[in-house]
Amino acid sequence: MSRKNKILVPEARAGLDQLKSDIANTSNPEEAKYEIAKEKGIPMQKGYNGQMSTRDAGKVGGSLGGQMVKELVRRAEQQLQQTDGK
């Protein structure tokens, strides 16, 4: 069963999708999870992946989400430094 997290600011969807693409070095955010799975050596196919263990699924989703959070924090820190410098 797929779980979608609700974005608190729906207008942010495009920006988050772009960030996901940037993190995974893909042009399409839908391809990001497949790229991360490939990098980690986890077999993942388009469509149903019911045979995938929860551990492997967590490695893909957790890695991608963690990298996105890390980048968002980096950008916020950079923005704060620029604001403090003015």
C-alpha atoms as a PDB file:
ATOM      1  CA  MET A   1       0.000   0.000   0.000  1.00  0.00           C
ATOM      2  CA  SER A   2       1.358   3.371  -0.993  1.00  0.00           C
ATOM      3  CA  ARG A   3       1.368   6.175   1.554  1.00  0.00           C
ATOM      4  CA  LYS A   4       1.438   9.778   0.463  1.00  0.00           C
ATOM      5  CA  ASN A   5       2.550  12.406   2.934  1.00  0.00           C
ATOM      6  CA  LYS A   6       0.379  15.479   2.829  1.00  0.00           C
ATOM      7  CA  ILE A   7       2.312  18.619   2.025  1.00  0.00           C
ATOM      8  CA  LEU A   8       1.300  21.443   4.346  1.00  0.00           C
ATOM      9  CA  VAL A   9       1.806  24.009   1.591  1.00  0.00           C
ATOM     10  CA  PRO A  10       0.462  22.451  -1.632  1.00  0.00           C
ATOM     11  CA  GLU A  11       2.141  25.148  -3.700  1.00  0.00           C
ATOM     12  CA  ALA A  12       5.500  23.702  -2.584  1.00  0.00           C
ATOM     13  CA  ARG A  13       4.949  20.446  -4.532  1.00  0.00           C
ATOM     14  CA  ALA A  14       6.799  21.647  -7.641  1.00  0.00           C
ATOM     15  CA  GLY A  15       9.768  22.836  -5.606  1.00  0.00           C
ATOM     16  CA  LEU A  16       9.972  19.584  -3.645  1.00  0.00           C
ATOM     17  CA  ASP A  17       9.734  17.569  -6.859  1.00  0.00           C
ATOM     18  CA  GLN A  18      12.569  19.628  -8.335  1.00  0.00           C
ATOM     19  CA  LEU A  19      14.668  19.081  -5.207  1.00  0.00           C
ATOM     20  CA  LYS A  20      14.013  15.329  -5.391  1.00  0.00           C
ATOM     21  CA  SER A  21      15.168  15.323  -9.026  1.00  0.00           C
ATOM     22  CA  ASP A  22      18.274  17.328  -8.158  1.00  0.00           C
ATOM     23  CA  ILE A  23      19.203  14.980  -5.302  1.00  0.00           C
ATOM     24  CA  ALA A  24      18.855  11.878  -7.483  1.00  0.00           C
ATOM     25  CA  ASN A  25      20.384  13.509 -10.587  1.00  0.00           C
ATOM     26  CA  THR A  26      17.308  12.803 -12.700  1.00  0.00           C
ATOM     27  CA  SER A  27      15.144  14.993 -14.863  1.00  0.00           C
ATOM     28  CA  ASN A  28      11.914  13.410 -13.612  1.00  0.00           C
ATOM     29  CA  PRO A  29      11.055  13.260  -9.879  1.00  0.00           C
ATOM     30  CA  GLU A  30       9.189   9.979 -10.450  1.00  0.00           C
ATOM     31  CA  GLU A  31      12.494   8.392 -11.517  1.00  0.00           C
ATOM     32  CA  ALA A  32      14.308   9.497  -8.338  1.00  0.00           C
ATOM     33  CA  LYS A  33      13.471   6.430  -6.246  1.00  0.00           C
ATOM     34  CA  TYR A  34      14.604   4.086  -9.023  1.00  0.00           C
ATOM     35  CA  GLU A  35      17.890   5.939  -9.358  1.00  0.00           C
ATOM     36  CA  ILE A  36      18.547   5.782  -5.602  1.00  0.00           C
ATOM     37  CA  ALA A  37      17.641   2.064  -5.565  1.00  0.00           C
ATOM     38  CA  LYS A  38      20.065   1.454  -8.423  1.00  0.00           C
ATOM     39  CA  GLU A  39      22.846   3.355  -6.614  1.00  0.00           C
ATOM     40  CA  LYS A  40      22.268   1.235  -3.500  1.00  0.00           C
ATOM     41  CA  GLY A  41      22.107  -2.037  -5.444  1.00  0.00           C
ATOM     42  CA  ILE A  42      18.486  -2.669  -4.511  1.00  0.00           C
ATOM     43  CA  PRO A  43      16.387  -4.329  -7.230  1.00  0.00           C
ATOM     44  CA  MET A  44      13.348  -2.148  -7.855  1.00  0.00           C
ATOM     45  CA  GLN A  45      11.074  -2.163 -10.852  1.00  0.00           C
ATOM     46  CA  LYS A  46       8.348   0.156 -12.031  1.00  0.00           C
ATOM     47  CA  GLY A  47       4.970  -0.957 -10.799  1.00  0.00           C
ATOM     48  CA  TYR A  48       4.452  -3.496  -8.045  1.00  0.00           C
ATOM     49  CA  ASN A  49       7.381  -4.146  -5.691  1.00  0.00           C
ATOM     50  CA  GLY A  50       5.639  -6.314  -3.114  1.00  0.00           C
ATOM     51  CA  GLN A  51       8.611  -8.668  -2.944  1.00  0.00           C
ATOM     52  CA  MET A  52      10.839  -5.870  -1.664  1.00  0.00           C
ATOM     53  CA  SER A  53      11.657  -6.066   2.016  1.00  0.00           C
ATOM     54  CA  THR A  54      10.716  -3.181   4.268  1.00  0.00           C
ATOM     55  CA  ARG A  55      14.412  -2.797   5.055  1.00  0.00           C
ATOM     56  CA  ASP A  56      15.250  -2.227   1.379  1.00  0.00           C
ATOM     57  CA  ALA A  57      12.255   0.070   0.878  1.00  0.00           C
ATOM     58  CA  GLY A  58      13.426   2.104   3.864  1.00  0.00           C
ATOM     59  CA  LYS A  59      16.920   2.364   2.436  1.00  0.00           C
ATOM     60  CA  VAL A  60      15.521   3.898  -0.744  1.00  0.00           C
ATOM     61  CA  GLY A  61      12.895   6.228   0.734  1.00  0.00           C
ATOM     62  CA  GLY A  62      14.878   7.070   3.846  1.00  0.00           C
ATOM     63  CA  SER A  63      17.979   7.919   1.895  1.00  0.00           C
ATOM     64  CA  LEU A  64      16.124  10.148  -0.539  1.00  0.00           C
ATOM     65  CA  GLY A  65      14.110  11.897   2.184  1.00  0.00           C
ATOM     66  CA  GLY A  66      17.171  12.320   4.384  1.00  0.00           C
ATOM     67  CA  GLN A  67      19.156  13.894   1.583  1.00  0.00           C
ATOM     68  CA  MET A  68      16.263  16.243   0.820  1.00  0.00           C
ATOM     69  CA  VAL A  69      16.066  17.362   4.467  1.00  0.00           C
ATOM     70  CA  LYS A  70      19.836  17.843   4.608  1.00  0.00           C
ATOM     71  CA  GLU A  71      19.718  20.042   1.490  1.00  0.00           C
ATOM     72  CA  LEU A  72      16.763  22.068   2.806  1.00  0.00           C
ATOM     73  CA  VAL A  73      18.628  22.709   6.082  1.00  0.00           C
ATOM     74  CA  ARG A  74      21.770  23.706   4.153  1.00  0.00           C
ATOM     75  CA  ARG A  75      19.758  26.173   2.059  1.00  0.00           C
ATOM     76  CA  ALA A  76      18.032  27.628   5.133  1.00  0.00           C
ATOM     77  CA  GLU A  77      21.375  28.085   6.920  1.00  0.00           C
ATOM     78  CA  GLN A  78      22.814  29.778   3.838  1.00  0.00           C
ATOM     79  CA  GLN A  79      19.797  32.084   3.628  1.00  0.00           C
ATOM     80  CA  LEU A  80      20.131  32.978   7.335  1.00  0.00           C
ATOM     81  CA  GLN A  81      23.822  33.779   6.883  1.00  0.00           C
ATOM     82  CA  GLN A  82      23.006  36.065   3.974  1.00  0.00           C
ATOM     83  CA  THR A  83      20.285  37.791   6.021  1.00  0.00           C
ATOM     84  CA  ASP A  84      22.587  38.225   9.030  1.00  0.00           C
ATOM     85  CA  GLY A  85      25.310  39.664   6.824  1.00  0.00           C
ATOM     86  CA  LYS A  86      23.118  42.553   5.626  1.00  0.00           C
END
